[in-house]
PDB file of N, CA and C in Angstrom:
ATOM      1  N   UNK A   1      87.669  39.866 142.872  1.00  0.00           N
ATOM      2  CA  UNK A   1      86.896  39.999 144.094  1.00  0.00           C
ATOM      3  C   UNK A   1      86.861  41.471 144.486  1.00  0.00           C
ATOM      4  N   UNK A   2      85.690  41.970 144.797  1.00  0.00           N
ATOM      5  CA  UNK A   2      85.527  43.375 145.137  1.00  0.00           C
ATOM      6  C   UNK A   2      85.752  43.652 146.602  1.00  0.00           C
ATOM      7  N   UNK A   3      85.866  44.925 146.888  1.00  0.00           N
ATOM      8  CA  UNK A   3      86.033  45.383 148.260  1.00  0.00           C
ATOM      9  C   UNK A   3      84.713  45.235 149.001  1.00  0.00           C
ATOM     10  N   UNK A   4      84.763  44.681 150.197  1.00  0.00           N
ATOM     11  CA  UNK A   4      83.565  44.493 151.005  1.00  0.00           C
ATOM     12  C   UNK A   4      83.707  45.246 152.322  1.00  0.00           C
ATOM     13  N   UNK A   5      82.562  45.669 152.861  1.00  0.00           N
ATOM     14  CA  UNK A   5      82.547  46.388 154.128  1.00  0.00           C
ATOM     15  C   UNK A   5      81.347  45.911 154.921  1.00  0.00           C
ATOM     16  N   UNK A   6      81.552  45.616 156.200  1.00  0.00           N
ATOM     17  CA  UNK A   6      80.467  45.177 157.062  1.00  0.00           C
ATOM     18  C   UNK A   6      80.833  45.499 158.500  1.00  0.00           C
ATOM     19  N   UNK A   7      79.900  46.051 159.238  1.00  0.00           N
ATOM     20  CA  UNK A   7      80.132  46.366 160.643  1.00  0.00           C
ATOM     21  C   UNK A   7      78.848  46.130 161.410  1.00  0.00           C
ATOM     22  N   UNK A   8      78.931  45.410 162.529  1.00  0.00           N
ATOM     23  CA  UNK A   8      77.775  45.172 163.396  1.00  0.00           C
ATOM     24  C   UNK A   8      78.001  45.934 164.696  1.00  0.00           C
ATOM     25  N   UNK A   9      77.006  46.744 165.070  1.00  0.00           N
ATOM     26  CA  UNK A   9      77.083  47.542 166.287  1.00  0.00           C
ATOM     27  C   UNK A   9      76.009  47.022 167.244  1.00  0.00           C
ATOM     28  N   UNK A  10      76.441  46.468 168.364  1.00  0.00           N
ATOM     29  CA  UNK A  10      75.505  45.942 169.361  1.00  0.00           C
ATOM     30  C   UNK A  10      74.987  47.107 170.201  1.00  0.00           C
ATOM     31  N   UNK A  11      73.671  47.284 170.205  1.00  0.00           N
ATOM     32  CA  UNK A  11      73.050  48.406 170.921  1.00  0.00           C
ATOM     33  C   UNK A  11      72.575  47.950 172.298  1.00  0.00           C
ATOM     34  N   UNK A  12      71.837  46.896 172.338  1.00  0.00           N
ATOM     35  CA  UNK A  12      71.320  46.290 173.567  1.00  0.00           C
ATOM     36  C   UNK A  12      71.453  44.774 173.405  1.00  0.00           C
ATOM     37  N   UNK A  13      71.324  44.015 174.468  1.00  0.00           N
ATOM     38  CA  UNK A  13      71.330  42.562 174.286  1.00  0.00           C
ATOM     39  C   UNK A  13      70.186  42.155 173.347  1.00  0.00           C
ATOM     40  N   UNK A  14      70.533  41.485 172.283  1.00  0.00           N
ATOM     41  CA  UNK A  14      69.535  41.048 171.313  1.00  0.00           C
ATOM     42  C   UNK A  14      69.186  42.054 170.253  1.00  0.00           C
ATOM     43  N   UNK A  15      69.824  43.231 170.254  1.00  0.00           N
ATOM     44  CA  UNK A  15      69.534  44.269 169.261  1.00  0.00           C
ATOM     45  C   UNK A  15      70.853  44.781 168.699  1.00  0.00           C
ATOM     46  N   UNK A  16      70.969  44.758 167.378  1.00  0.00           N
ATOM     47  CA  UNK A  16      72.173  45.305 166.761  1.00  0.00           C
ATOM     48  C   UNK A  16      71.826  45.966 165.442  1.00  0.00           C
ATOM     49  N   UNK A  17      72.652  46.927 165.064  1.00  0.00           N
ATOM     50  CA  UNK A  17      72.537  47.612 163.780  1.00  0.00           C
ATOM     51  C   UNK A  17      73.704  47.131 162.931  1.00  0.00           C
ATOM     52  N   UNK A  18      73.393  46.720 161.724  1.00  0.00           N
ATOM     53  CA  UNK A  18      74.402  46.234 160.797  1.00  0.00           C
ATOM     54  C   UNK A  18      74.590  47.291 159.720  1.00  0.00           C
ATOM     55  N   UNK A  19      75.823  47.642 159.435  1.00  0.00           N
ATOM     56  CA  UNK A  19      76.114  48.652 158.417  1.00  0.00           C
ATOM     57  C   UNK A  19      76.998  47.994 157.367  1.00  0.00           C
ATOM     58  N   UNK A  20      76.589  48.112 156.109  1.00  0.00           N
ATOM     59  CA  UNK A  20      77.377  47.562 155.013  1.00  0.00           C
ATOM     60  C   UNK A  20      77.246  48.473 153.806  1.00  0.00           C
ATOM     61  N   UNK A  21      77.934  48.116 152.745  1.00  0.00           N
ATOM     62  CA  UNK A  21      77.895  48.909 151.523  1.00  0.00           C
ATOM     63  C   UNK A  21      76.475  48.979 150.963  1.00  0.00           C
ATOM     64  N   UNK A  22      75.683  47.918 151.149  1.00  0.00           N
ATOM     65  CA  UNK A  22      74.321  47.900 150.616  1.00  0.00           C
ATOM     66  C   UNK A  22      73.331  48.654 151.497  1.00  0.00           C
ATOM     67  N   UNK A  23      73.758  49.147 152.659  1.00  0.00           N
ATOM     68  CA  UNK A  23      72.890  49.944 153.517  1.00  0.00           C
ATOM     69  C   UNK A  23      72.741  49.360 154.907  1.00  0.00           C
ATOM     70  N   UNK A  24      72.070  50.089 155.792  1.00  0.00           N
ATOM     71  CA  UNK A  24      71.903  49.627 157.171  1.00  0.00           C
ATOM     72  C   UNK A  24      70.778  48.604 157.297  1.00  0.00           C
ATOM     73  N   UNK A  25      70.862  47.788 158.335  1.00  0.00           N
ATOM     74  CA  UNK A  25      69.780  46.877 158.678  1.00  0.00           C
ATOM     75  C   UNK A  25      69.751  46.732 160.194  1.00  0.00           C
ATOM     76  N   UNK A  26      68.651  46.229 160.688  1.00  0.00           N
ATOM     77  CA  UNK A  26      68.456  46.079 162.129  1.00  0.00           C
ATOM     78  C   UNK A  26      68.208  44.606 162.423  1.00  0.00           C
ATOM     79  N   UNK A  27      68.931  44.054 163.397  1.00  0.00           N
ATOM     80  CA  UNK A  27      68.775  42.653 163.764  1.00  0.00           C
ATOM     81  C   UNK A  27      68.253  42.558 165.194  1.00  0.00           C
ATOM     82  N   UNK A  28      67.195  41.759 165.373  1.00  0.00           N
ATOM     83  CA  UNK A  28      66.595  41.512 166.684  1.00  0.00           C
ATOM     84  C   UNK A  28      66.612  40.014 166.939  1.00  0.00           C
ATOM     85  N   UNK A  29      67.024  39.601 168.113  1.00  0.00           N
ATOM     86  CA  UNK A  29      66.988  38.186 168.445  1.00  0.00           C
ATOM     87  C   UNK A  29      68.183  37.753 169.260  1.00  0.00           C
ATOM     88  N   UNK A  30      68.227  36.469 169.473  1.00  0.00           N
ATOM     89  CA  UNK A  30      69.272  35.866 170.286  1.00  0.00           C
ATOM     90  C   UNK A  30      70.028  34.847 169.446  1.00  0.00           C
ATOM     91  N   UNK A  31      71.089  34.318 170.024  1.00  0.00           N
ATOM     92  CA  UNK A  31      71.859  33.298 169.327  1.00  0.00           C
ATOM     93  C   UNK A  31      70.940  32.117 169.012  1.00  0.00           C
ATOM     94  N   UNK A  32      70.882  31.766 167.760  1.00  0.00           N
ATOM     95  CA  UNK A  32      70.035  30.663 167.348  1.00  0.00           C
ATOM     96  C   UNK A  32      68.730  31.077 166.704  1.00  0.00           C
ATOM     97  N   UNK A  33      68.298  32.318 166.898  1.00  0.00           N
ATOM     98  CA  UNK A  33      67.052  32.788 166.288  1.00  0.00           C
ATOM     99  C   UNK A  33      67.074  34.310 166.217  1.00  0.00           C
ATOM    100  N   UNK A  34      67.007  34.854 165.004  1.00  0.00           N
ATOM    101  CA  UNK A  34      66.962  36.306 164.873  1.00  0.00           C
ATOM    102  C   UNK A  34      66.221  36.722 163.609  1.00  0.00           C
ATOM    103  N   UNK A  35      65.808  37.976 163.601  1.00  0.00           N
ATOM    104  CA  UNK A  35      65.113  38.587 162.470  1.00  0.00           C
ATOM    105  C   UNK A  35      65.913  39.813 162.071  1.00  0.00           C
ATOM    106  N   UNK A  36      66.182  39.957 160.771  1.00  0.00           N
ATOM    107  CA  UNK A  36      66.914  41.108 160.257  1.00  0.00           C
ATOM    108  C   UNK A  36      66.016  41.863 159.297  1.00  0.00           C
ATOM    109  N   UNK A  37      65.875  43.190 159.533  1.00  0.00           N
ATOM    110  CA  UNK A  37      65.060  44.041 158.671  1.00  0.00           C
ATOM    111  C   UNK A  37      65.974  45.046 157.989  1.00  0.00           C
ATOM    112  N   UNK A  38      65.893  45.103 156.675  1.00  0.00           N
ATOM    113  CA  UNK A  38      66.732  46.018 155.915  1.00  0.00           C
ATOM    114  C   UNK A  38      66.046  46.466 154.645  1.00  0.00           C
ATOM    115  N   UNK A  39      66.815  47.099 153.768  1.00  0.00           N
ATOM    116  CA  UNK A  39      66.259  47.624 152.524  1.00  0.00           C
ATOM    117  C   UNK A  39      65.680  46.556 151.620  1.00  0.00           C
ATOM    118  N   UNK A  40      66.240  45.368 151.648  1.00  0.00           N
ATOM    119  CA  UNK A  40      65.782  44.318 150.741  1.00  0.00           C
ATOM    120  C   UNK A  40      64.699  43.437 151.341  1.00  0.00           C
ATOM    121  N   UNK A  41      64.228  43.739 152.543  1.00  0.00           N
ATOM    122  CA  UNK A  41      63.151  42.975 153.145  1.00  0.00           C
ATOM    123  C   UNK A  41      63.502  42.452 154.521  1.00  0.00           C
ATOM    124  N   UNK A  42      62.804  41.413 154.915  1.00  0.00           N
ATOM    125  CA  UNK A  42      62.960  40.823 156.239  1.00  0.00           C
ATOM    126  C   UNK A  42      63.508  39.407 156.085  1.00  0.00           C
ATOM    127  N   UNK A  43      64.544  39.093 156.861  1.00  0.00           N
ATOM    128  CA  UNK A  43      65.141  37.764 156.856  1.00  0.00           C
ATOM    129  C   UNK A  43      64.995  37.169 158.244  1.00  0.00           C
ATOM    130  N   UNK A  44      64.409  35.961 158.312  1.00  0.00           N
ATOM    131  CA  UNK A  44      64.255  35.254 159.589  1.00  0.00           C
ATOM    132  C   UNK A  44      65.175  34.038 159.565  1.00  0.00           C
ATOM    133  N   UNK A  45      65.971  33.873 160.619  1.00  0.00           N
ATOM    134  CA  UNK A  45      66.915  32.764 160.689  1.00  0.00           C
ATOM    135  C   UNK A  45      66.758  32.030 162.012  1.00  0.00           C
ATOM    136  N   UNK A  46      66.666  30.705 161.937  1.00  0.00           N
ATOM    137  CA  UNK A  46      66.589  29.845 163.114  1.00  0.00           C
ATOM    138  C   UNK A  46      67.623  28.748 162.925  1.00  0.00           C
ATOM    139  N   UNK A  47      68.396  28.469 163.966  1.00  0.00           N
ATOM    140  CA  UNK A  47      69.423  27.441 163.834  1.00  0.00           C
ATOM    141  C   UNK A  47      69.769  26.794 165.157  1.00  0.00           C
ATOM    142  N   UNK A  48      70.630  25.802 165.068  1.00  0.00           N
ATOM    143  CA  UNK A  48      71.147  25.131 166.254  1.00  0.00           C
ATOM    144  C   UNK A  48      72.564  25.642 166.479  1.00  0.00           C
ATOM    145  N   UNK A  49      72.773  26.495 167.494  1.00  0.00           N
ATOM    146  CA  UNK A  49      74.088  27.090 167.719  1.00  0.00           C
ATOM    147  C   UNK A  49      75.188  26.042 167.850  1.00  0.00           C
ATOM    148  N   UNK A  50      76.305  26.335 167.205  1.00  0.00           N
ATOM    149  CA  UNK A  50      77.470  25.468 167.282  1.00  0.00           C
ATOM    150  C   UNK A  50      77.482  24.320 166.287  1.00  0.00           C
ATOM    151  N   UNK A  51      76.372  24.091 165.564  1.00  0.00           N
ATOM    152  CA  UNK A  51      76.314  22.972 164.632  1.00  0.00           C
ATOM    153  C   UNK A  51      76.486  23.398 163.182  1.00  0.00           C
ATOM    154  N   UNK A  52      76.198  24.658 162.890  1.00  0.00           N
ATOM    155  CA  UNK A  52      76.223  25.113 161.502  1.00  0.00           C
ATOM    156  C   UNK A  52      74.929  24.807 160.771  1.00  0.00           C
ATOM    157  N   UNK A  53      73.940  24.249 161.478  1.00  0.00           N
ATOM    158  CA  UNK A  53      72.649  23.920 160.875  1.00  0.00           C
ATOM    159  C   UNK A  53      71.691  25.069 161.143  1.00  0.00           C
ATOM    160  N   UNK A  54      71.124  25.617 160.078  1.00  0.00           N
ATOM    161  CA  UNK A  54      70.190  26.729 160.237  1.00  0.00           C
ATOM    162  C   UNK A  54      69.231  26.778 159.060  1.00  0.00           C
ATOM    163  N   UNK A  55      68.129  27.484 159.258  1.00  0.00           N
ATOM    164  CA  UNK A  55      67.129  27.684 158.215  1.00  0.00           C
ATOM    165  C   UNK A  55      66.882  29.176 158.104  1.00  0.00           C
ATOM    166  N   UNK A  56      66.887  29.694 156.884  1.00  0.00           N
ATOM    167  CA  UNK A  56      66.670  31.111 156.642  1.00  0.00           C
ATOM    168  C   UNK A  56      65.479  31.297 155.723  1.00  0.00           C
ATOM    169  N   UNK A  57      64.614  32.249 156.066  1.00  0.00           N
ATOM    170  CA  UNK A  57      63.449  32.576 155.260  1.00  0.00           C
ATOM    171  C   UNK A  57      63.479  34.067 154.955  1.00  0.00           C
ATOM    172  N   UNK A  58      63.256  34.433 153.703  1.00  0.00           N
ATOM    173  CA  UNK A  58      63.259  35.847 153.309  1.00  0.00           C
ATOM    174  C   UNK A  58      61.890  36.270 152.827  1.00  0.00           C
ATOM    175  N   UNK A  59      61.518  37.496 153.164  1.00  0.00           N
ATOM    176  CA  UNK A  59      60.297  38.121 152.649  1.00  0.00           C
ATOM    177  C   UNK A  59      60.692  39.498 152.160  1.00  0.00           C
ATOM    178  N   UNK A  60      60.299  39.832 150.972  1.00  0.00           N
ATOM    179  CA  UNK A  60      60.668  41.123 150.412  1.00  0.00           C
ATOM    180  C   UNK A  60      61.201  40.935 149.009  1.00  0.00           C
ATOM    181  N   UNK A  61      61.797  41.952 148.482  1.00  0.00           N
ATOM    182  CA  UNK A  61      62.264  41.919 147.104  1.00  0.00           C
ATOM    183  C   UNK A  61      63.564  41.150 146.969  1.00  0.00           C
ATOM    184  N   UNK A  62      63.622  40.262 146.019  1.00  0.00           N
ATOM    185  CA  UNK A  62      64.867  39.652 145.581  1.00  0.00           C
ATOM    186  C   UNK A  62      64.670  39.241 144.134  1.00  0.00           C
ATOM    187  N   UNK A  63      65.746  39.120 143.418  1.00  0.00           N
ATOM    188  CA  UNK A  63      65.661  38.878 141.985  1.00  0.00           C
ATOM    189  C   UNK A  63      65.204  37.464 141.643  1.00  0.00           C
ATOM    190  N   UNK A  64      65.423  36.517 142.528  1.00  0.00           N
ATOM    191  CA  UNK A  64      65.084  35.140 142.237  1.00  0.00           C
ATOM    192  C   UNK A  64      66.145  34.450 141.404  1.00  0.00           C
ATOM    193  N   UNK A  65      67.188  35.159 141.048  1.00  0.00           N
ATOM    194  CA  UNK A  65      68.232  34.613 140.194  1.00  0.00           C
ATOM    195  C   UNK A  65      68.905  33.406 140.826  1.00  0.00           C
ATOM    196  N   UNK A  66      69.145  33.462 142.127  1.00  0.00           N
ATOM    197  CA  UNK A  66      69.833  32.375 142.811  1.00  0.00           C
ATOM    198  C   UNK A  66      68.895  31.454 143.575  1.00  0.00           C
ATOM    199  N   UNK A  67      67.614  31.638 143.457  1.00  0.00           N
ATOM    200  CA  UNK A  67      66.693  30.805 144.220  1.00  0.00           C
ATOM    201  C   UNK A  67      65.958  29.842 143.298  1.00  0.00           C
ATOM    202  N   UNK A  68      65.628  28.679 143.835  1.00  0.00           N
ATOM    203  CA  UNK A  68      64.926  27.675 143.047  1.00  0.00           C
ATOM    204  C   UNK A  68      63.476  28.083 142.831  1.00  0.00           C
ATOM    205  N   UNK A  69      62.861  28.679 143.840  1.00  0.00           N
ATOM    206  CA  UNK A  69      61.472  29.110 143.728  1.00  0.00           C
ATOM    207  C   UNK A  69      61.443  30.577 143.322  1.00  0.00           C
ATOM    208  N   UNK A  70      60.586  30.897 142.391  1.00  0.00           N
ATOM    209  CA  UNK A  70      60.503  32.278 141.918  1.00  0.00           C
ATOM    210  C   UNK A  70      59.208  32.902 142.420  1.00  0.00           C
ATOM    211  N   UNK A  71      59.325  33.931 143.253  1.00  0.00           N
ATOM    212  CA  UNK A  71      58.154  34.662 143.729  1.00  0.00           C
ATOM    213  C   UNK A  71      57.732  35.654 142.656  1.00  0.00           C
ATOM    214  N   UNK A  72      56.463  35.957 142.619  1.00  0.00           N
ATOM    215  CA  UNK A  72      55.996  36.985 141.701  1.00  0.00           C
ATOM    216  C   UNK A  72      56.468  38.326 142.227  1.00  0.00           C
ATOM    217  N   UNK A  73      57.253  39.074 141.443  1.00  0.00           N
ATOM    218  CA  UNK A  73      57.761  40.346 141.943  1.00  0.00           C
ATOM    219  C   UNK A  73      56.645  41.376 142.085  1.00  0.00           C
ATOM    220  N   UNK A  74      56.843  42.296 143.006  1.00  0.00           N
ATOM    221  CA  UNK A  74      55.895  43.380 143.192  1.00  0.00           C
ATOM    222  C   UNK A  74      56.037  44.381 142.062  1.00  0.00           C
ATOM    223  N   UNK A  75      54.964  45.110 141.822  1.00  0.00           N
ATOM    224  CA  UNK A  75      55.050  46.193 140.839  1.00  0.00           C
ATOM    225  C   UNK A  75      55.971  47.271 141.414  1.00  0.00           C
ATOM    226  N   UNK A  76      56.535  48.128 140.577  1.00  0.00           N
ATOM    227  CA  UNK A  76      57.426  49.179 141.095  1.00  0.00           C
ATOM    228  C   UNK A  76      56.755  50.066 142.152  1.00  0.00           C
ATOM    229  N   UNK A  77      55.472  50.346 141.977  1.00  0.00           N
ATOM    230  CA  UNK A  77      54.764  51.181 142.957  1.00  0.00           C
ATOM    231  C   UNK A  77      54.617  50.451 144.289  1.00  0.00           C
ATOM    232  N   UNK A  78      54.267  49.155 144.237  1.00  0.00           N
ATOM    233  CA  UNK A  78      54.128  48.372 145.457  1.00  0.00           C
ATOM    234  C   UNK A  78      55.473  48.218 146.161  1.00  0.00           C
ATOM    235  N   UNK A  79      56.541  48.000 145.390  1.00  0.00           N
ATOM    236  CA  UNK A  79      57.868  47.859 145.977  1.00  0.00           C
ATOM    237  C   UNK A  79      58.310  49.160 146.624  1.00  0.00           C
ATOM    238  N   UNK A  80      58.061  50.292 145.954  1.00  0.00           N
ATOM    239  CA  UNK A  80      58.434  51.591 146.518  1.00  0.00           C
ATOM    240  C   UNK A  80      57.681  51.841 147.821  1.00  0.00           C
ATOM    241  N   UNK A  81      56.406  51.482 147.851  1.00  0.00           N
ATOM    242  CA  UNK A  81      55.611  51.654 149.067  1.00  0.00           C
ATOM    243  C   UNK A  81      56.142  50.765 150.186  1.00  0.00           C
ATOM    244  N   UNK A  82      56.471  49.523 149.864  1.00  0.00           N
ATOM    245  CA  UNK A  82      57.020  48.606 150.872  1.00  0.00           C
ATOM    246  C   UNK A  82      58.366  49.107 151.379  1.00  0.00           C
ATOM    247  N   UNK A  83      59.197  49.638 150.493  1.00  0.00           N
ATOM    248  CA  UNK A  83      60.492  50.186 150.900  1.00  0.00           C
ATOM    249  C   UNK A  83      60.315  51.359 151.850  1.00  0.00           C
ATOM    250  N   UNK A  84      59.370  52.260 151.538  1.00  0.00           N
ATOM    251  CA  UNK A  84      59.123  53.412 152.412  1.00  0.00           C
ATOM    252  C   UNK A  84      58.648  52.958 153.789  1.00  0.00           C
ATOM    253  N   UNK A  85      57.734  51.984 153.824  1.00  0.00           N
ATOM    254  CA  UNK A  85      57.249  51.468 155.115  1.00  0.00           C
ATOM    255  C   UNK A  85      58.392  50.863 155.917  1.00  0.00           C
ATOM    256  N   UNK A  86      59.247  50.092 155.267  1.00  0.00           N
ATOM    257  CA  UNK A  86      60.373  49.464 155.970  1.00  0.00           C
ATOM    258  C   UNK A  86      61.341  50.521 156.492  1.00  0.00           C
ATOM    259  N   UNK A  87      61.622  51.551 155.685  1.00  0.00           N
ATOM    260  CA  UNK A  87      62.538  52.600 156.126  1.00  0.00           C
ATOM    261  C   UNK A  87      61.956  53.380 157.293  1.00  0.00           C
ATOM    262  N   UNK A  88      60.655  53.675 157.252  1.00  0.00           N
ATOM    263  CA  UNK A  88      60.012  54.381 158.369  1.00  0.00           C
ATOM    264  C   UNK A  88      60.027  53.526 159.629  1.00  0.00           C
ATOM    265  N   UNK A  89      59.754  52.241 159.478  1.00  0.00           N
ATOM    266  CA  UNK A  89      59.768  51.343 160.626  1.00  0.00           C
ATOM    267  C   UNK A  89      61.157  51.296 161.258  1.00  0.00           C
ATOM    268  N   UNK A  90      62.185  51.168 160.433  1.00  0.00           N
ATOM    269  CA  UNK A  90      63.553  51.170 160.945  1.00  0.00           C
ATOM    270  C   UNK A  90      63.896  52.484 161.619  1.00  0.00           C
ATOM    271  N   UNK A  91      63.484  53.599 161.018  1.00  0.00           N
ATOM    272  CA  UNK A  91      63.778  54.914 161.592  1.00  0.00           C
ATOM    273  C   UNK A  91      63.101  55.083 162.950  1.00  0.00           C
ATOM    274  N   UNK A  92      61.836  54.713 163.037  1.00  0.00           N
ATOM    275  CA  UNK A  92      61.104  54.840 164.303  1.00  0.00           C
ATOM    276  C   UNK A  92      61.725  53.939 165.368  1.00  0.00           C
ATOM    277  N   UNK A  93      62.092  52.718 164.987  1.00  0.00           N
ATOM    278  CA  UNK A  93      62.712  51.800 165.936  1.00  0.00           C
ATOM    279  C   UNK A  93      64.064  52.332 166.409  1.00  0.00           C
ATOM    280  N   UNK A  94      64.854  52.871 165.486  1.00  0.00           N
ATOM    281  CA  UNK A  94      66.160  53.423 165.854  1.00  0.00           C
ATOM    282  C   UNK A  94      65.991  54.613 166.800  1.00  0.00           C
ATOM    283  N   UNK A  95      65.011  55.471 166.543  1.00  0.00           N
ATOM    284  CA  UNK A  95      64.753  56.617 167.425  1.00  0.00           C
ATOM    285  C   UNK A  95      64.326  56.125 168.805  1.00  0.00           C
ATOM    286  N   UNK A  96      63.500  55.079 168.838  1.00  0.00           N
ATOM    287  CA  UNK A  96      63.067  54.529 170.127  1.00  0.00           C
ATOM    288  C   UNK A  96      64.256  53.962 170.896  1.00  0.00           C
ATOM    289  N   UNK A  97      65.157  53.291 170.214  1.00  0.00           N
ATOM    290  CA  UNK A  97      66.335  52.728 170.876  1.00  0.00           C
ATOM    291  C   UNK A  97      67.216  53.842 171.430  1.00  0.00           C
ATOM    292  N   UNK A  98      67.418  54.892 170.641  1.00  0.00           N
ATOM    293  CA  UNK A  98      68.222  56.023 171.114  1.00  0.00           C
ATOM    294  C   UNK A  98      67.560  56.653 172.335  1.00  0.00           C
ATOM    295  N   UNK A  99      66.232  56.778 172.315  1.00  0.00           N
ATOM    296  CA  UNK A  99      65.518  57.326 173.471  1.00  0.00           C
ATOM    297  C   UNK A  99      65.678  56.472 174.709  1.00  0.00           C
ATOM    298  N   UNK A 100      65.552  55.171 174.552  1.00  0.00           N
ATOM    299  CA  UNK A 100      65.708  54.259 175.688  1.00  0.00           C
ATOM    300  C   UNK A 100      67.137  54.316 176.218  1.00  0.00           C
ATOM    301  N   UNK A 101      68.119  54.317 175.303  1.00  0.00           N
ATOM    302  CA  UNK A 101      69.516  54.383 175.736  1.00  0.00           C
ATOM    303  C   UNK A 101      69.812  55.689 176.463  1.00  0.00           C
ATOM    304  N   UNK A 102      69.300  56.808 175.942  1.00  0.00           N
ATOM    305  CA  UNK A 102      69.555  58.083 176.618  1.00  0.00           C
ATOM    306  C   UNK A 102      68.886  58.111 177.991  1.00  0.00           C
ATOM    307  N   UNK A 103      67.705  57.507 178.106  1.00  0.00           N
ATOM    308  CA  UNK A 103      67.033  57.434 179.405  1.00  0.00           C
ATOM    309  C   UNK A 103      67.855  56.589 180.381  1.00  0.00           C
ATOM    310  N   UNK A 104      68.317  55.430 179.907  1.00  0.00           N
ATOM    311  CA  UNK A 104      69.118  54.537 180.767  1.00  0.00           C
ATOM    312  C   UNK A 104      70.404  55.209 181.185  1.00  0.00           C
ATOM    313  N   UNK A 105      71.092  55.816 180.243  1.00  0.00           N
ATOM    314  CA  UNK A 105      72.356  56.484 180.574  1.00  0.00           C
ATOM    315  C   UNK A 105      72.125  57.692 181.472  1.00  0.00           C
ATOM    316  N   UNK A 106      70.996  58.380 181.272  1.00  0.00           N
ATOM    317  CA  UNK A 106      70.681  59.533 182.131  1.00  0.00           C
ATOM    318  C   UNK A 106      70.409  59.126 183.563  1.00  0.00           C
ATOM    319  N   UNK A 107      69.753  57.982 183.762  1.00  0.00           N
ATOM    320  CA  UNK A 107      69.468  57.533 185.126  1.00  0.00           C
ATOM    321  C   UNK A 107      70.723  56.948 185.779  1.00  0.00           C
ATOM    322  N   UNK A 108      71.666  56.444 184.976  1.00  0.00           N
ATOM    323  CA  UNK A 108      72.870  55.867 185.541  1.00  0.00           C
ATOM    324  C   UNK A 108      73.842  56.935 186.019  1.00  0.00           C
ATOM    325  N   UNK A 109      73.808  58.118 185.413  1.00  0.00           N
ATOM    326  CA  UNK A 109      74.747  59.166 185.797  1.00  0.00           C
ATOM    327  C   UNK A 109      74.273  59.988 186.979  1.00  0.00           C
ATOM    328  N   UNK A 110      73.021  59.819 187.393  1.00  0.00           N
ATOM    329  CA  UNK A 110      72.500  60.611 188.519  1.00  0.00           C
ATOM    330  C   UNK A 110      72.858  59.976 189.835  1.00  0.00           C
TER     331      UNK A 110
END
C-alpha cells in the first residue's frame, strides 16, 4: 500500500479546495449534492445523507479500466485543450474566491 495524502480546505460554506498527490480540485455544493472539478474532469455526486446511498457521474478523461461502459477517449489535442480550459476555469474561480474573501475580511476589520 502506498503513501496517500489528502487535505480539504473549506473556503466558504459550500466551497472547498481539495489538495492531494494527484493535484488540486474544487468542490461546490452542499451535503448530499456536490460537483468536483479537477484535472481529470468533473464529478457530480448526489446522495441521501446518512444512508451511504449515492450516485456519482463523471465527465472527462478516465481510462475506462474499472468502468463497465467505455467512453470513446478524446484525441491528445482535444484532451490537452480540455485540460487547459479546466485549469483556467479553476484558476479564475480561485482568484474570484480570494477576491471575495479579501473584500469580506477588509469590510470586517473596518
